[in-house]
Amino acid sequence: MRIKLFSKGSLQFRYMMLVVVAMVVPTILVGSFLYYYIFTSTANQIGIPEVIAINLIPVLKRVNLMLVVGLFPMFILIYTWGLILSNRFCGPLRRIEEDVDKILEGNYSIRFRVRERDDIKTVVDKLNALLDTIEHKAK
């Protein structure tokens, strides 16, 4: 079993950056709007004097700490899942590129190999069928 988490450099890096941005940006936006709404609604409803507002800040700090502690494992889980999914697509590409180079040199006996769970398995199977047809016609 091959355990290589990062492959095909820039493609997988761009994919993983998309995963990170998709986690962080909504978290910041929703968190900011939620805090603003809660704080202003509370202030408007009970007419918070400055003394109460000062006492509310430590509570908000504790809530922030709980959110950070809760969000970090979730981010790690989502990032790991994105890494695994991206590896199923990006992982076989280097091998396929090397095999295509050999085919371009005239070696039609090459067959592409991927794992059963790789996302491009169906494409590779069709390419191998195409190579079978080409090799059969060349004989």
N, C-alpha and C. Protein backbone atom coordinates (compact mmCIF):
# COMPACT_ATOMS: atom_id res chain seq x y z
N MET A 1 0.84 -1.18 0.00
CA MET A 1 0.00 0.00 0.00
C MET A 1 0.89 1.24 0.00
N ARG A 2 0.63 2.11 -0.92
CA ARG A 2 1.41 3.33 -1.06
C ARG A 2 0.82 4.40 -0.16
N ILE A 3 1.66 4.97 0.69
CA ILE A 3 1.20 6.06 1.56
C ILE A 3 2.05 7.28 1.26
N LYS A 4 1.58 8.05 0.32
CA LYS A 4 2.23 9.29 -0.04
C LYS A 4 1.13 10.34 -0.10
N LEU A 5 1.15 11.27 0.86
CA LEU A 5 0.03 12.19 0.99
C LEU A 5 0.04 13.29 -0.05
N PHE A 6 1.20 13.81 -0.40
CA PHE A 6 1.27 14.88 -1.37
C PHE A 6 1.91 14.38 -2.65
N SER A 7 1.23 14.60 -3.75
CA SER A 7 1.77 14.21 -5.04
C SER A 7 1.32 15.23 -6.07
N LYS A 8 1.99 15.26 -7.15
CA LYS A 8 1.67 16.16 -8.27
C LYS A 8 1.56 17.60 -7.79
N GLY A 9 2.57 18.00 -7.04
CA GLY A 9 2.76 19.32 -6.48
C GLY A 9 1.67 20.36 -6.62
N SER A 10 1.71 21.15 -7.65
CA SER A 10 0.89 22.36 -7.71
C SER A 10 -0.61 22.06 -7.80
N LEU A 11 -1.00 21.01 -8.48
CA LEU A 11 -2.42 20.70 -8.60
C LEU A 11 -3.02 20.37 -7.24
N GLN A 12 -2.38 19.49 -6.50
CA GLN A 12 -2.89 19.12 -5.19
C GLN A 12 -2.78 20.30 -4.21
N PHE A 13 -1.73 21.09 -4.33
CA PHE A 13 -1.58 22.27 -3.47
C PHE A 13 -2.73 23.24 -3.69
N ARG A 14 -3.07 23.51 -4.95
CA ARG A 14 -4.18 24.41 -5.26
C ARG A 14 -5.50 23.86 -4.72
N TYR A 15 -5.70 22.57 -4.85
CA TYR A 15 -6.91 21.93 -4.34
C TYR A 15 -6.99 22.07 -2.82
N MET A 16 -5.90 21.82 -2.16
CA MET A 16 -5.89 21.89 -0.70
C MET A 16 -6.04 23.34 -0.22
N MET A 17 -5.50 24.30 -0.95
CA MET A 17 -5.71 25.70 -0.58
C MET A 17 -7.18 26.07 -0.71
N LEU A 18 -7.85 25.51 -1.70
CA LEU A 18 -9.29 25.73 -1.85
C LEU A 18 -10.04 25.16 -0.64
N VAL A 19 -9.62 24.00 -0.17
CA VAL A 19 -10.25 23.40 1.02
C VAL A 19 -10.04 24.30 2.23
N VAL A 20 -8.82 24.79 2.41
CA VAL A 20 -8.52 25.66 3.55
C VAL A 20 -9.33 26.94 3.49
N VAL A 21 -9.37 27.58 2.33
CA VAL A 21 -10.14 28.81 2.18
C VAL A 21 -11.63 28.54 2.41
N ALA A 22 -12.11 27.40 1.93
CA ALA A 22 -13.53 27.05 2.11
C ALA A 22 -13.86 26.80 3.58
N MET A 23 -12.86 26.48 4.39
CA MET A 23 -13.10 26.32 5.83
C MET A 23 -13.00 27.64 6.56
N VAL A 24 -11.96 28.40 6.28
CA VAL A 24 -11.62 29.58 7.08
C VAL A 24 -12.53 30.77 6.78
N VAL A 25 -12.76 31.07 5.52
CA VAL A 25 -13.53 32.27 5.16
C VAL A 25 -14.96 32.20 5.71
N PRO A 26 -15.71 31.11 5.49
CA PRO A 26 -17.06 31.09 6.07
C PRO A 26 -17.05 31.14 7.60
N THR A 27 -16.05 30.51 8.21
CA THR A 27 -15.96 30.54 9.68
C THR A 27 -15.80 31.96 10.17
N ILE A 28 -14.91 32.72 9.55
CA ILE A 28 -14.68 34.10 9.97
C ILE A 28 -15.91 34.96 9.70
N LEU A 29 -16.49 34.83 8.51
CA LEU A 29 -17.66 35.64 8.18
C LEU A 29 -18.85 35.33 9.08
N VAL A 30 -19.19 34.07 9.19
CA VAL A 30 -20.35 33.70 10.01
C VAL A 30 -20.09 34.05 11.48
N GLY A 31 -18.89 33.76 11.96
CA GLY A 31 -18.55 34.10 13.34
C GLY A 31 -18.66 35.59 13.61
N SER A 32 -18.13 36.39 12.70
CA SER A 32 -18.18 37.84 12.87
C SER A 32 -19.61 38.37 12.88
N PHE A 33 -20.39 37.94 11.88
CA PHE A 33 -21.78 38.40 11.82
C PHE A 33 -22.58 37.91 13.01
N LEU A 34 -22.34 36.69 13.44
CA LEU A 34 -23.06 36.14 14.58
C LEU A 34 -22.75 36.92 15.86
N TYR A 35 -21.47 37.18 16.09
CA TYR A 35 -21.09 37.95 17.28
C TYR A 35 -21.66 39.36 17.23
N TYR A 36 -21.57 39.98 16.07
CA TYR A 36 -22.11 41.34 15.94
C TYR A 36 -23.61 41.33 16.24
N TYR A 37 -24.33 40.38 15.65
CA TYR A 37 -25.78 40.31 15.85
C TYR A 37 -26.12 40.04 17.31
N ILE A 38 -25.45 39.07 17.93
CA ILE A 38 -25.75 38.74 19.32
C ILE A 38 -25.45 39.92 20.23
N PHE A 39 -24.30 40.53 20.04
CA PHE A 39 -23.91 41.64 20.92
C PHE A 39 -24.84 42.84 20.76
N THR A 40 -25.14 43.22 19.51
CA THR A 40 -26.01 44.39 19.31
C THR A 40 -27.44 44.09 19.73
N SER A 41 -27.93 42.88 19.49
CA SER A 41 -29.29 42.52 19.93
C SER A 41 -29.40 42.55 21.44
N THR A 42 -28.41 41.99 22.10
CA THR A 42 -28.41 42.00 23.57
C THR A 42 -28.34 43.43 24.09
N ALA A 43 -27.49 44.21 23.49
CA ALA A 43 -27.34 45.61 23.93
C ALA A 43 -28.62 46.38 23.74
N ASN A 44 -29.30 46.17 22.63
CA ASN A 44 -30.55 46.89 22.35
C ASN A 44 -31.68 46.43 23.26
N GLN A 45 -31.73 45.14 23.56
CA GLN A 45 -32.83 44.60 24.36
C GLN A 45 -32.75 45.02 25.82
N ILE A 46 -31.55 44.99 26.39
CA ILE A 46 -31.47 45.31 27.83
C ILE A 46 -30.76 46.63 28.09
N GLY A 47 -30.42 47.35 27.06
CA GLY A 47 -29.79 48.65 27.25
C GLY A 47 -28.54 48.53 28.10
N ILE A 48 -27.56 47.81 27.59
CA ILE A 48 -26.36 47.50 28.35
C ILE A 48 -25.61 48.77 28.75
N PRO A 49 -25.50 48.97 30.05
CA PRO A 49 -24.61 50.03 30.50
C PRO A 49 -23.16 49.56 30.35
N GLU A 50 -22.25 50.47 30.43
CA GLU A 50 -20.84 50.14 30.25
C GLU A 50 -20.36 49.11 31.26
N VAL A 51 -20.88 49.12 32.45
CA VAL A 51 -20.45 48.17 33.48
C VAL A 51 -20.78 46.74 33.05
N ILE A 52 -21.99 46.55 32.55
CA ILE A 52 -22.38 45.21 32.10
C ILE A 52 -21.56 44.81 30.88
N ALA A 53 -21.32 45.73 29.98
CA ALA A 53 -20.52 45.43 28.78
C ALA A 53 -19.12 44.99 29.16
N ILE A 54 -18.54 45.63 30.18
CA ILE A 54 -17.20 45.25 30.63
C ILE A 54 -17.23 43.84 31.21
N ASN A 55 -18.28 43.49 31.92
CA ASN A 55 -18.40 42.14 32.48
C ASN A 55 -18.71 41.08 31.40
N LEU A 56 -19.27 41.51 30.30
CA LEU A 56 -19.61 40.60 29.22
C LEU A 56 -18.37 40.18 28.41
N ILE A 57 -17.35 41.03 28.39
CA ILE A 57 -16.15 40.73 27.60
C ILE A 57 -15.45 39.45 28.05
N PRO A 58 -15.27 39.18 29.36
CA PRO A 58 -14.66 37.89 29.75
C PRO A 58 -15.48 36.68 29.28
N VAL A 59 -16.80 36.83 29.28
CA VAL A 59 -17.65 35.73 28.81
C VAL A 59 -17.41 35.49 27.32
N LEU A 60 -17.33 36.56 26.56
CA LEU A 60 -17.06 36.43 25.14
C LEU A 60 -15.68 35.80 24.88
N LYS A 61 -14.71 36.13 25.72
CA LYS A 61 -13.38 35.52 25.57
C LYS A 61 -13.45 34.02 25.81
N ARG A 62 -14.22 33.59 26.80
CA ARG A 62 -14.36 32.15 27.07
C ARG A 62 -15.08 31.45 25.91
N VAL A 63 -16.10 32.11 25.38
CA VAL A 63 -16.82 31.53 24.23
C VAL A 63 -15.87 31.41 23.04
N ASN A 64 -15.06 32.44 22.83
CA ASN A 64 -14.07 32.38 21.74
C ASN A 64 -13.11 31.22 21.93
N LEU A 65 -12.64 31.03 23.14
CA LEU A 65 -11.72 29.93 23.43
C LEU A 65 -12.38 28.59 23.14
N MET A 66 -13.64 28.44 23.55
CA MET A 66 -14.35 27.20 23.28
C MET A 66 -14.52 26.97 21.78
N LEU A 67 -14.80 28.03 21.04
CA LEU A 67 -14.94 27.91 19.59
C LEU A 67 -13.63 27.51 18.94
N VAL A 68 -12.55 28.14 19.35
CA VAL A 68 -11.24 27.82 18.76
C VAL A 68 -10.88 26.37 19.07
N VAL A 69 -11.10 25.95 20.30
CA VAL A 69 -10.79 24.57 20.68
C VAL A 69 -11.67 23.60 19.89
N GLY A 70 -12.91 23.94 19.66
CA GLY A 70 -13.82 23.07 18.91
C GLY A 70 -13.57 23.10 17.42
N LEU A 71 -13.21 24.26 16.89
CA LEU A 71 -13.02 24.38 15.44
C LEU A 71 -11.72 23.74 14.97
N PHE A 72 -10.68 23.78 15.78
CA PHE A 72 -9.39 23.25 15.36
C PHE A 72 -9.46 21.77 14.98
N PRO A 73 -10.04 20.91 15.83
CA PRO A 73 -10.14 19.50 15.40
C PRO A 73 -11.00 19.31 14.16
N MET A 74 -12.06 20.14 14.04
CA MET A 74 -12.90 20.05 12.85
C MET A 74 -12.11 20.44 11.60
N PHE A 75 -11.30 21.49 11.68
CA PHE A 75 -10.47 21.89 10.55
C PHE A 75 -9.48 20.79 10.20
N ILE A 76 -8.88 20.17 11.21
CA ILE A 76 -7.93 19.08 10.95
C ILE A 76 -8.64 17.93 10.25
N LEU A 77 -9.83 17.59 10.71
CA LEU A 77 -10.59 16.51 10.10
C LEU A 77 -10.94 16.83 8.65
N ILE A 78 -11.44 18.02 8.39
CA ILE A 78 -11.81 18.41 7.02
C ILE A 78 -10.58 18.47 6.13
N TYR A 79 -9.48 19.01 6.65
CA TYR A 79 -8.24 19.08 5.87
C TYR A 79 -7.74 17.68 5.52
N THR A 80 -7.78 16.77 6.48
CA THR A 80 -7.33 15.40 6.23
C THR A 80 -8.22 14.73 5.19
N TRP A 81 -9.51 14.93 5.30
CA TRP A 81 -10.43 14.36 4.33
C TRP A 81 -10.17 14.93 2.94
N GLY A 82 -9.95 16.24 2.84
CA GLY A 82 -9.63 16.86 1.55
C GLY A 82 -8.32 16.33 0.99
N LEU A 83 -7.35 16.10 1.85
CA LEU A 83 -6.06 15.56 1.42
C LEU A 83 -6.23 14.15 0.86
N ILE A 84 -7.01 13.34 1.53
CA ILE A 84 -7.25 11.98 1.04
C ILE A 84 -7.98 12.00 -0.30
N LEU A 85 -9.01 12.83 -0.41
CA LEU A 85 -9.75 12.90 -1.66
C LEU A 85 -8.90 13.45 -2.80
N SER A 86 -8.10 14.46 -2.52
CA SER A 86 -7.26 15.03 -3.58
C SER A 86 -6.19 14.04 -4.00
N ASN A 87 -5.72 13.23 -3.06
CA ASN A 87 -4.70 12.24 -3.39
C ASN A 87 -5.25 11.16 -4.31
N ARG A 88 -6.53 10.87 -4.21
CA ARG A 88 -7.14 9.87 -5.10
C ARG A 88 -7.19 10.36 -6.54
N PHE A 89 -7.16 11.66 -6.73
CA PHE A 89 -7.15 12.21 -8.08
C PHE A 89 -5.74 12.57 -8.53
N CYS A 90 -5.03 13.30 -7.69
CA CYS A 90 -3.71 13.79 -8.07
C CYS A 90 -2.63 12.72 -7.99
N GLY A 91 -2.82 11.75 -7.11
CA GLY A 91 -1.80 10.72 -6.91
C GLY A 91 -1.40 9.98 -8.17
N PRO A 92 -2.35 9.48 -8.95
CA PRO A 92 -1.98 8.70 -10.13
C PRO A 92 -1.49 9.53 -11.32
N LEU A 93 -1.64 10.82 -11.28
CA LEU A 93 -1.31 11.63 -12.45
C LEU A 93 0.16 11.56 -12.84
N ARG A 94 1.07 11.56 -11.90
CA ARG A 94 2.50 11.49 -12.23
C ARG A 94 2.82 10.19 -12.94
N ARG A 95 2.27 9.09 -12.42
CA ARG A 95 2.50 7.80 -13.04
C ARG A 95 1.92 7.76 -14.45
N ILE A 96 0.74 8.33 -14.61
CA ILE A 96 0.11 8.36 -15.94
C ILE A 96 0.94 9.19 -16.91
N GLU A 97 1.46 10.31 -16.45
CA GLU A 97 2.31 11.14 -17.31
C GLU A 97 3.55 10.38 -17.76
N GLU A 98 4.17 9.65 -16.84
CA GLU A 98 5.35 8.85 -17.19
C GLU A 98 4.99 7.77 -18.20
N ASP A 99 3.85 7.11 -18.01
CA ASP A 99 3.42 6.07 -18.95
C ASP A 99 3.09 6.66 -20.31
N VAL A 100 2.48 7.84 -20.34
CA VAL A 100 2.18 8.50 -21.62
C VAL A 100 3.47 8.82 -22.36
N ASP A 101 4.49 9.27 -21.66
CA ASP A 101 5.79 9.53 -22.30
C ASP A 101 6.33 8.26 -22.96
N LYS A 102 6.21 7.12 -22.29
CA LYS A 102 6.69 5.86 -22.86
C LYS A 102 5.86 5.47 -24.07
N ILE A 103 4.56 5.71 -24.02
CA ILE A 103 3.70 5.41 -25.16
C ILE A 103 4.04 6.30 -26.34
N LEU A 104 4.32 7.57 -26.08
CA LEU A 104 4.71 8.50 -27.15
C LEU A 104 6.02 8.08 -27.80
N GLU A 105 6.86 7.37 -27.06
CA GLU A 105 8.11 6.86 -27.62
C GLU A 105 7.87 5.61 -28.47
N GLY A 106 6.63 5.09 -28.48
CA GLY A 106 6.29 3.95 -29.33
C GLY A 106 6.06 2.65 -28.58
N ASN A 107 6.14 2.65 -27.28
CA ASN A 107 5.92 1.43 -26.51
C ASN A 107 4.44 1.30 -26.18
N TYR A 108 3.69 0.58 -27.05
CA TYR A 108 2.24 0.45 -26.86
C TYR A 108 1.86 -0.69 -25.93
N SER A 109 2.85 -1.38 -25.37
CA SER A 109 2.55 -2.46 -24.43
C SER A 109 2.33 -1.93 -23.01
N ILE A 110 2.60 -0.66 -22.80
CA ILE A 110 2.40 -0.03 -21.49
C ILE A 110 0.91 0.01 -21.17
N ARG A 111 0.57 -0.29 -19.93
CA ARG A 111 -0.80 -0.14 -19.46
C ARG A 111 -0.78 0.72 -18.19
N PHE A 112 -1.76 1.57 -18.10
CA PHE A 112 -1.86 2.46 -16.94
C PHE A 112 -2.33 1.65 -15.74
N ARG A 113 -1.77 1.96 -14.58
CA ARG A 113 -2.13 1.28 -13.34
C ARG A 113 -2.56 2.33 -12.30
N VAL A 114 -3.72 2.10 -11.74
CA VAL A 114 -4.20 2.93 -10.64
C VAL A 114 -4.85 2.02 -9.61
N ARG A 115 -5.06 2.57 -8.43
CA ARG A 115 -5.74 1.82 -7.38
C ARG A 115 -7.24 1.79 -7.66
N GLU A 116 -7.90 0.79 -7.14
CA GLU A 116 -9.35 0.64 -7.36
C GLU A 116 -10.15 1.85 -6.88
N ARG A 117 -9.71 2.49 -5.83
CA ARG A 117 -10.49 3.60 -5.26
C ARG A 117 -10.10 4.96 -5.84
N ASP A 118 -9.13 5.00 -6.76
CA ASP A 118 -8.75 6.29 -7.37
C ASP A 118 -9.89 6.81 -8.23
N ASP A 119 -10.09 8.12 -8.17
CA ASP A 119 -11.22 8.74 -8.86
C ASP A 119 -11.12 8.66 -10.39
N ILE A 120 -9.94 8.51 -10.92
CA ILE A 120 -9.80 8.47 -12.37
C ILE A 120 -9.70 7.05 -12.91
N LYS A 121 -10.12 6.09 -12.13
CA LYS A 121 -10.05 4.68 -12.52
C LYS A 121 -10.82 4.42 -13.81
N THR A 122 -12.01 4.99 -13.97
CA THR A 122 -12.81 4.75 -15.19
C THR A 122 -12.11 5.29 -16.42
N VAL A 123 -11.48 6.46 -16.29
CA VAL A 123 -10.75 7.04 -17.43
C VAL A 123 -9.56 6.17 -17.78
N VAL A 124 -8.85 5.70 -16.77
CA VAL A 124 -7.68 4.85 -17.01
C VAL A 124 -8.10 3.54 -17.67
N ASP A 125 -9.21 2.97 -17.25
CA ASP A 125 -9.70 1.74 -17.87
C ASP A 125 -10.00 1.96 -19.36
N LYS A 126 -10.59 3.09 -19.68
CA LYS A 126 -10.88 3.39 -21.09
C LYS A 126 -9.60 3.65 -21.88
N LEU A 127 -8.63 4.31 -21.26
CA LEU A 127 -7.34 4.51 -21.94
C LEU A 127 -6.65 3.18 -22.20
N ASN A 128 -6.71 2.28 -21.23
CA ASN A 128 -6.12 0.96 -21.43
C ASN A 128 -6.83 0.19 -22.55
N ALA A 129 -8.16 0.32 -22.65
CA ALA A 129 -8.90 -0.31 -23.74
C ALA A 129 -8.48 0.30 -25.08
N LEU A 130 -8.27 1.60 -25.11
CA LEU A 130 -7.79 2.27 -26.32
C LEU A 130 -6.42 1.75 -26.71
N LEU A 131 -5.54 1.59 -25.74
CA LEU A 131 -4.21 1.05 -26.00
C LEU A 131 -4.29 -0.39 -26.51
N ASP A 132 -5.22 -1.18 -25.96
CA ASP A 132 -5.41 -2.55 -26.46
C ASP A 132 -5.80 -2.53 -27.94
N THR A 133 -6.71 -1.62 -28.29
CA THR A 133 -7.14 -1.51 -29.67
C THR A 133 -5.99 -1.08 -30.58
N ILE A 134 -5.22 -0.09 -30.15
CA ILE A 134 -4.09 0.38 -30.94
C ILE A 134 -3.05 -0.72 -31.10
N GLU A 135 -2.75 -1.40 -30.03
CA GLU A 135 -1.75 -2.47 -30.09
C GLU A 135 -2.23 -3.63 -30.98
N HIS A 136 -3.53 -3.93 -30.91
CA HIS A 136 -4.08 -5.01 -31.73
C HIS A 136 -4.03 -4.63 -33.22
N LYS A 137 -4.33 -3.38 -33.55
CA LYS A 137 -4.30 -2.93 -34.95
C LYS A 137 -2.87 -2.85 -35.47
N ALA A 138 -1.90 -2.57 -34.58
CA ALA A 138 -0.50 -2.45 -35.01
C ALA A 138 0.07 -3.82 -35.37
N LYS A 139 -0.52 -4.89 -34.86
CA LYS A 139 0.02 -6.23 -35.14
C LYS A 139 -0.44 -6.76 -36.43
